[in-house]
Amino acid sequence: MSEDAFNMSIRKFLKEVGVTSQRKIEETVREGQIGGEKKKKKLNVRMKLTAEGTGLNHVVDGEIELP
């Protein structure tokens, strides 16, 4: 596999992750499934990346400001 094909494959995967993750977060907030306080200001989120058959285990924590 060429380096260009490898990079394009990664970008395609990351685009899918980004688009579908944003959609799921928006649905969760819109449907009021954030639990706890009614007027919560931020949503704590965590994304975990693993790859089958490898030791890859990457975690990204963050906060999303709520409307």
PDB file of N, CA and C in Angstrom:
ATOM      1  N   MET A   1       0.852  -1.176   0.000  1.00  0.00           N
ATOM      2  CA  MET A   1       0.000   0.000   0.000  1.00  0.00           C
ATOM      3  C   MET A   1       0.896   1.237   0.000  1.00  0.00           C
ATOM      4  N   SER A   2       0.559   2.189  -0.826  1.00  0.00           N
ATOM      5  CA  SER A   2       1.354   3.409  -0.897  1.00  0.00           C
ATOM      6  C   SER A   2       1.051   4.310   0.306  1.00  0.00           C
ATOM      7  N   GLU A   3       1.955   5.218   0.569  1.00  0.00           N
ATOM      8  CA  GLU A   3       1.782   6.179   1.659  1.00  0.00           C
ATOM      9  C   GLU A   3       0.537   7.039   1.422  1.00  0.00           C
ATOM     10  N   ASP A   4       0.295   7.427   0.175  1.00  0.00           N
ATOM     11  CA  ASP A   4      -0.889   8.237  -0.144  1.00  0.00           C
ATOM     12  C   ASP A   4      -2.185   7.474   0.128  1.00  0.00           C
ATOM     13  N   ALA A   5      -2.224   6.218  -0.275  1.00  0.00           N
ATOM     14  CA  ALA A   5      -3.419   5.403  -0.047  1.00  0.00           C
ATOM     15  C   ALA A   5      -3.646   5.213   1.459  1.00  0.00           C
ATOM     16  N   PHE A   6      -2.573   5.012   2.200  1.00  0.00           N
ATOM     17  CA  PHE A   6      -2.644   4.861   3.661  1.00  0.00           C
ATOM     18  C   PHE A   6      -3.223   6.124   4.287  1.00  0.00           C
ATOM     19  N   ASN A   7      -2.688   7.286   3.909  1.00  0.00           N
ATOM     20  CA  ASN A   7      -3.177   8.552   4.455  1.00  0.00           C
ATOM     21  C   ASN A   7      -4.632   8.802   4.099  1.00  0.00           C
ATOM     22  N   MET A   8      -5.026   8.499   2.879  1.00  0.00           N
ATOM     23  CA  MET A   8      -6.417   8.687   2.466  1.00  0.00           C
ATOM     24  C   MET A   8      -7.357   7.767   3.248  1.00  0.00           C
ATOM     25  N   SER A   9      -6.901   6.552   3.511  1.00  0.00           N
ATOM     26  CA  SER A   9      -7.703   5.599   4.277  1.00  0.00           C
ATOM     27  C   SER A   9      -7.917   6.106   5.706  1.00  0.00           C
ATOM     28  N   ILE A  10      -6.866   6.645   6.310  1.00  0.00           N
ATOM     29  CA  ILE A  10      -6.981   7.207   7.659  1.00  0.00           C
ATOM     30  C   ILE A  10      -7.933   8.392   7.647  1.00  0.00           C
ATOM     31  N   ARG A  11      -7.779   9.287   6.690  1.00  0.00           N
ATOM     32  CA  ARG A  11      -8.634  10.470   6.613  1.00  0.00           C
ATOM     33  C   ARG A  11     -10.100  10.098   6.426  1.00  0.00           C
ATOM     34  N   LYS A  12     -10.359   9.080   5.610  1.00  0.00           N
ATOM     35  CA  LYS A  12     -11.736   8.625   5.385  1.00  0.00           C
ATOM     36  C   LYS A  12     -12.341   8.113   6.692  1.00  0.00           C
ATOM     37  N   PHE A  13     -11.569   7.320   7.432  1.00  0.00           N
ATOM     38  CA  PHE A  13     -12.034   6.811   8.717  1.00  0.00           C
ATOM     39  C   PHE A  13     -12.306   7.947   9.691  1.00  0.00           C
ATOM     40  N   LEU A  14     -11.371   8.887   9.813  1.00  0.00           N
ATOM     41  CA  LEU A  14     -11.526   9.990  10.749  1.00  0.00           C
ATOM     42  C   LEU A  14     -12.697  10.903  10.379  1.00  0.00           C
ATOM     43  N   LYS A  15     -12.943  11.076   9.100  1.00  0.00           N
ATOM     44  CA  LYS A  15     -14.093  11.874   8.670  1.00  0.00           C
ATOM     45  C   LYS A  15     -15.386  11.201   9.111  1.00  0.00           C
ATOM     46  N   GLU A  16     -15.468   9.888   8.925  1.00  0.00           N
ATOM     47  CA  GLU A  16     -16.651   9.130   9.355  1.00  0.00           C
ATOM     48  C   GLU A  16     -16.840   9.238  10.867  1.00  0.00           C
ATOM     49  N   VAL A  17     -15.754   9.114  11.620  1.00  0.00           N
ATOM     50  CA  VAL A  17     -15.821   9.240  13.078  1.00  0.00           C
ATOM     51  C   VAL A  17     -16.322  10.623  13.466  1.00  0.00           C
ATOM     52  N   GLY A  18     -15.772  11.652  12.839  1.00  0.00           N
ATOM     53  CA  GLY A  18     -16.157  13.023  13.170  1.00  0.00           C
ATOM     54  C   GLY A  18     -17.608  13.321  12.870  1.00  0.00           C
ATOM     55  N   VAL A  19     -18.055  12.949  11.682  1.00  0.00           N
ATOM     56  CA  VAL A  19     -19.435  13.239  11.262  1.00  0.00           C
ATOM     57  C   VAL A  19     -20.431  12.477  12.124  1.00  0.00           C
ATOM     58  N   THR A  20     -20.217  11.190  12.312  1.00  0.00           N
ATOM     59  CA  THR A  20     -21.176  10.401  13.087  1.00  0.00           C
ATOM     60  C   THR A  20     -21.140  10.767  14.571  1.00  0.00           C
ATOM     61  N   SER A  21     -19.970  11.106  15.096  1.00  0.00           N
ATOM     62  CA  SER A  21     -19.869  11.502  16.504  1.00  0.00           C
ATOM     63  C   SER A  21     -20.607  12.807  16.749  1.00  0.00           C
ATOM     64  N   GLN A  22     -20.434  13.779  15.861  1.00  0.00           N
ATOM     65  CA  GLN A  22     -21.133  15.047  16.012  1.00  0.00           C
ATOM     66  C   GLN A  22     -22.641  14.826  15.984  1.00  0.00           C
ATOM     67  N   ARG A  23     -23.097  13.999  15.075  1.00  0.00           N
ATOM     68  CA  ARG A  23     -24.531  13.708  14.963  1.00  0.00           C
ATOM     69  C   ARG A  23     -25.065  13.089  16.256  1.00  0.00           C
ATOM     70  N   LYS A  24     -24.333  12.145  16.816  1.00  0.00           N
ATOM     71  CA  LYS A  24     -24.777  11.472  18.047  1.00  0.00           C
ATOM     72  C   LYS A  24     -24.790  12.424  19.241  1.00  0.00           C
ATOM     73  N   ILE A  25     -23.790  13.301  19.331  1.00  0.00           N
ATOM     74  CA  ILE A  25     -23.757  14.272  20.424  1.00  0.00           C
ATOM     75  C   ILE A  25     -24.937  15.226  20.304  1.00  0.00           C
ATOM     76  N   GLU A  26     -25.186  15.723  19.096  1.00  0.00           N
ATOM     77  CA  GLU A  26     -26.318  16.634  18.876  1.00  0.00           C
ATOM     78  C   GLU A  26     -27.641  15.976  19.225  1.00  0.00           C
ATOM     79  N   GLU A  27     -27.823  14.720  18.825  1.00  0.00           N
ATOM     80  CA  GLU A  27     -29.057  13.994  19.151  1.00  0.00           C
ATOM     81  C   GLU A  27     -29.215  13.848  20.655  1.00  0.00           C
ATOM     82  N   THR A  28     -28.149  13.503  21.332  1.00  0.00           N
ATOM     83  CA  THR A  28     -28.192  13.307  22.781  1.00  0.00           C
ATOM     84  C   THR A  28     -28.584  14.588  23.498  1.00  0.00           C
ATOM     85  N   VAL A  29     -27.994  15.702  23.104  1.00  0.00           N
ATOM     86  CA  VAL A  29     -28.300  16.992  23.727  1.00  0.00           C
ATOM     87  C   VAL A  29     -29.724  17.415  23.387  1.00  0.00           C
ATOM     88  N   ARG A  30     -30.095  17.294  22.129  1.00  0.00           N
ATOM     89  CA  ARG A  30     -31.433  17.702  21.683  1.00  0.00           C
ATOM     90  C   ARG A  30     -32.533  16.917  22.398  1.00  0.00           C
ATOM     91  N   GLU A  31     -32.301  15.637  22.628  1.00  0.00           N
ATOM     92  CA  GLU A  31     -33.302  14.791  23.283  1.00  0.00           C
ATOM     93  C   GLU A  31     -33.249  14.901  24.800  1.00  0.00           C
ATOM     94  N   GLY A  32     -32.354  15.727  25.315  1.00  0.00           N
ATOM     95  CA  GLY A  32     -32.283  15.950  26.759  1.00  0.00           C
ATOM     96  C   GLY A  32     -31.727  14.782  27.532  1.00  0.00           C
ATOM     97  N   GLN A  33     -30.913  13.966  26.913  1.00  0.00           N
ATOM     98  CA  GLN A  33     -30.368  12.780  27.561  1.00  0.00           C
ATOM     99  C   GLN A  33     -29.042  13.054  28.275  1.00  0.00           C
ATOM    100  N   ILE A  34     -28.881  14.270  28.772  1.00  0.00           N
ATOM    101  CA  ILE A  34     -27.609  14.608  29.401  1.00  0.00           C
ATOM    102  C   ILE A  34     -27.599  14.337  30.896  1.00  0.00           C
ATOM    103  N   GLY A  35     -28.726  13.957  31.445  1.00  0.00           N
ATOM    104  CA  GLY A  35     -28.800  13.562  32.839  1.00  0.00           C
ATOM    105  C   GLY A  35     -28.474  14.676  33.815  1.00  0.00           C
ATOM    106  N   GLY A  36     -28.671  14.387  35.081  1.00  0.00           N
ATOM    107  CA  GLY A  36     -28.323  15.354  36.123  1.00  0.00           C
ATOM    108  C   GLY A  36     -29.094  16.647  36.030  1.00  0.00           C
ATOM    109  N   GLU A  37     -28.353  17.732  36.184  1.00  0.00           N
ATOM    110  CA  GLU A  37     -28.956  19.061  36.223  1.00  0.00           C
ATOM    111  C   GLU A  37     -29.650  19.428  34.911  1.00  0.00           C
ATOM    112  N   LYS A  38     -30.714  20.190  35.041  1.00  0.00           N
ATOM    113  CA  LYS A  38     -31.430  20.661  33.852  1.00  0.00           C
ATOM    114  C   LYS A  38     -30.609  21.696  33.088  1.00  0.00           C
ATOM    115  N   LYS A  39     -29.930  22.580  33.795  1.00  0.00           N
ATOM    116  CA  LYS A  39     -29.199  23.684  33.162  1.00  0.00           C
ATOM    117  C   LYS A  39     -27.683  23.436  33.194  1.00  0.00           C
ATOM    118  N   LYS A  40     -27.302  22.253  32.885  1.00  0.00           N
ATOM    119  CA  LYS A  40     -25.889  21.919  32.826  1.00  0.00           C
ATOM    120  C   LYS A  40     -25.229  22.759  31.733  1.00  0.00           C
ATOM    121  N   LYS A  41     -24.037  23.274  31.987  1.00  0.00           N
ATOM    122  CA  LYS A  41     -23.369  24.192  31.058  1.00  0.00           C
ATOM    123  C   LYS A  41     -22.444  23.481  30.086  1.00  0.00           C
ATOM    124  N   LYS A  42     -21.898  22.335  30.503  1.00  0.00           N
ATOM    125  CA  LYS A  42     -20.946  21.625  29.658  1.00  0.00           C
ATOM    126  C   LYS A  42     -21.208  20.128  29.699  1.00  0.00           C
ATOM    127  N   LEU A  43     -20.856  19.477  28.618  1.00  0.00           N
ATOM    128  CA  LEU A  43     -20.977  18.028  28.518  1.00  0.00           C
ATOM    129  C   LEU A  43     -19.572  17.453  28.472  1.00  0.00           C
ATOM    130  N   ASN A  44     -19.228  16.627  29.446  1.00  0.00           N
ATOM    131  CA  ASN A  44     -17.921  15.966  29.454  1.00  0.00           C
ATOM    132  C   ASN A  44     -17.985  14.782  28.501  1.00  0.00           C
ATOM    133  N   VAL A  45     -17.023  14.713  27.599  1.00  0.00           N
ATOM    134  CA  VAL A  45     -17.006  13.652  26.601  1.00  0.00           C
ATOM    135  C   VAL A  45     -15.649  12.945  26.610  1.00  0.00           C
ATOM    136  N   ARG A  46     -15.660  11.717  26.114  1.00  0.00           N
ATOM    137  CA  ARG A  46     -14.441  10.920  26.007  1.00  0.00           C
ATOM    138  C   ARG A  46     -14.522  10.096  24.730  1.00  0.00           C
ATOM    139  N   MET A  47     -13.441  10.116  23.983  1.00  0.00           N
ATOM    140  CA  MET A  47     -13.336   9.308  22.769  1.00  0.00           C
ATOM    141  C   MET A  47     -12.174   8.335  22.991  1.00  0.00           C
ATOM    142  N   LYS A  48     -12.450   7.062  22.749  1.00  0.00           N
ATOM    143  CA  LYS A  48     -11.428   6.037  22.931  1.00  0.00           C
ATOM    144  C   LYS A  48     -11.167   5.363  21.591  1.00  0.00           C
ATOM    145  N   LEU A  49      -9.899   5.330  21.201  1.00  0.00           N
ATOM    146  CA  LEU A  49      -9.500   4.706  19.947  1.00  0.00           C
ATOM    147  C   LEU A  49      -8.685   3.459  20.241  1.00  0.00           C
ATOM    148  N   THR A  50      -9.153   2.342  19.716  1.00  0.00           N
ATOM    149  CA  THR A  50      -8.416   1.085  19.818  1.00  0.00           C
ATOM    150  C   THR A  50      -8.322   0.487  18.421  1.00  0.00           C
ATOM    151  N   ALA A  51      -7.387  -0.409  18.247  1.00  0.00           N
ATOM    152  CA  ALA A  51      -7.247  -1.105  16.970  1.00  0.00           C
ATOM    153  C   ALA A  51      -7.047  -2.584  17.269  1.00  0.00           C
ATOM    154  N   GLU A  52      -7.942  -3.370  16.759  1.00  0.00           N
ATOM    155  CA  GLU A  52      -7.921  -4.801  16.986  1.00  0.00           C
ATOM    156  C   GLU A  52      -6.555  -5.398  16.656  1.00  0.00           C
ATOM    157  N   GLY A  53      -6.050  -6.235  17.555  1.00  0.00           N
ATOM    158  CA  GLY A  53      -4.786  -6.924  17.332  1.00  0.00           C
ATOM    159  C   GLY A  53      -3.546  -6.080  17.581  1.00  0.00           C
ATOM    160  N   THR A  54      -3.753  -4.870  18.166  1.00  0.00           N
ATOM    161  CA  THR A  54      -2.617  -4.002  18.477  1.00  0.00           C
ATOM    162  C   THR A  54      -2.720  -3.531  19.920  1.00  0.00           C
ATOM    163  N   GLY A  55      -1.709  -2.839  20.369  1.00  0.00           N
ATOM    164  CA  GLY A  55      -1.727  -2.258  21.704  1.00  0.00           C
ATOM    165  C   GLY A  55      -2.250  -0.828  21.701  1.00  0.00           C
ATOM    166  N   LEU A  56      -2.829  -0.394  20.578  1.00  0.00           N
ATOM    167  CA  LEU A  56      -3.327   0.979  20.484  1.00  0.00           C
ATOM    168  C   LEU A  56      -4.493   1.186  21.437  1.00  0.00           C
ATOM    169  N   ASN A  57      -4.340   2.156  22.301  1.00  0.00           N
ATOM    170  CA  ASN A  57      -5.378   2.523  23.252  1.00  0.00           C
ATOM    171  C   ASN A  57      -5.197   4.010  23.534  1.00  0.00           C
ATOM    172  N   HIS A  58      -5.859   4.848  22.761  1.00  0.00           N
ATOM    173  CA  HIS A  58      -5.697   6.294  22.849  1.00  0.00           C
ATOM    174  C   HIS A  58      -7.017   6.903  23.316  1.00  0.00           C
ATOM    175  N   VAL A  59      -6.954   7.715  24.358  1.00  0.00           N
ATOM    176  CA  VAL A  59      -8.153   8.329  24.932  1.00  0.00           C
ATOM    177  C   VAL A  59      -8.019   9.854  24.853  1.00  0.00           C
ATOM    178  N   VAL A  60      -9.080  10.497  24.391  1.00  0.00           N
ATOM    179  CA  VAL A  60      -9.138  11.948  24.340  1.00  0.00           C
ATOM    180  C   VAL A  60     -10.342  12.381  25.171  1.00  0.00           C
ATOM    181  N   ASP A  61     -10.099  13.189  26.193  1.00  0.00           N
ATOM    182  CA  ASP A  61     -11.176  13.731  27.025  1.00  0.00           C
ATOM    183  C   ASP A  61     -11.398  15.186  26.645  1.00  0.00           C
ATOM    184  N   GLY A  62     -12.638  15.642  26.765  1.00  0.00           N
ATOM    185  CA  GLY A  62     -12.934  17.030  26.454  1.00  0.00           C
ATOM    186  C   GLY A  62     -14.248  17.470  27.023  1.00  0.00           C
ATOM    187  N   GLU A  63     -14.548  18.742  26.812  1.00  0.00           N
ATOM    188  CA  GLU A  63     -15.804  19.331  27.251  1.00  0.00           C
ATOM    189  C   GLU A  63     -16.455  20.028  26.059  1.00  0.00           C
ATOM    190  N   ILE A  64     -17.761  19.913  25.992  1.00  0.00           N
ATOM    191  CA  ILE A  64     -18.529  20.593  24.965  1.00  0.00           C
ATOM    192  C   ILE A  64     -19.496  21.534  25.673  1.00  0.00           C
ATOM    193  N   GLU A  65     -19.432  22.805  25.303  1.00  0.00           N
ATOM    194  CA  GLU A  65     -20.355  23.780  25.879  1.00  0.00           C
ATOM    195  C   GLU A  65     -21.745  23.529  25.315  1.00  0.00           C
ATOM    196  N   LEU A  66     -22.720  23.567  26.199  1.00  0.00           N
ATOM    197  CA  LEU A  66     -24.094  23.309  25.797  1.00  0.00           C
ATOM    198  C   LEU A  66     -24.829  24.604  25.495  1.00  0.00           C
ATOM    199  N   PRO A  67     -25.813  24.525  24.610  1.00  0.00           N
ATOM    200  CA  PRO A  67     -26.577  25.731  24.257  1.00  0.00           C
ATOM    201  C   PRO A  67     -27.440  26.212  25.407  1.00  0.00           C
TER     202      PRO A  67
END
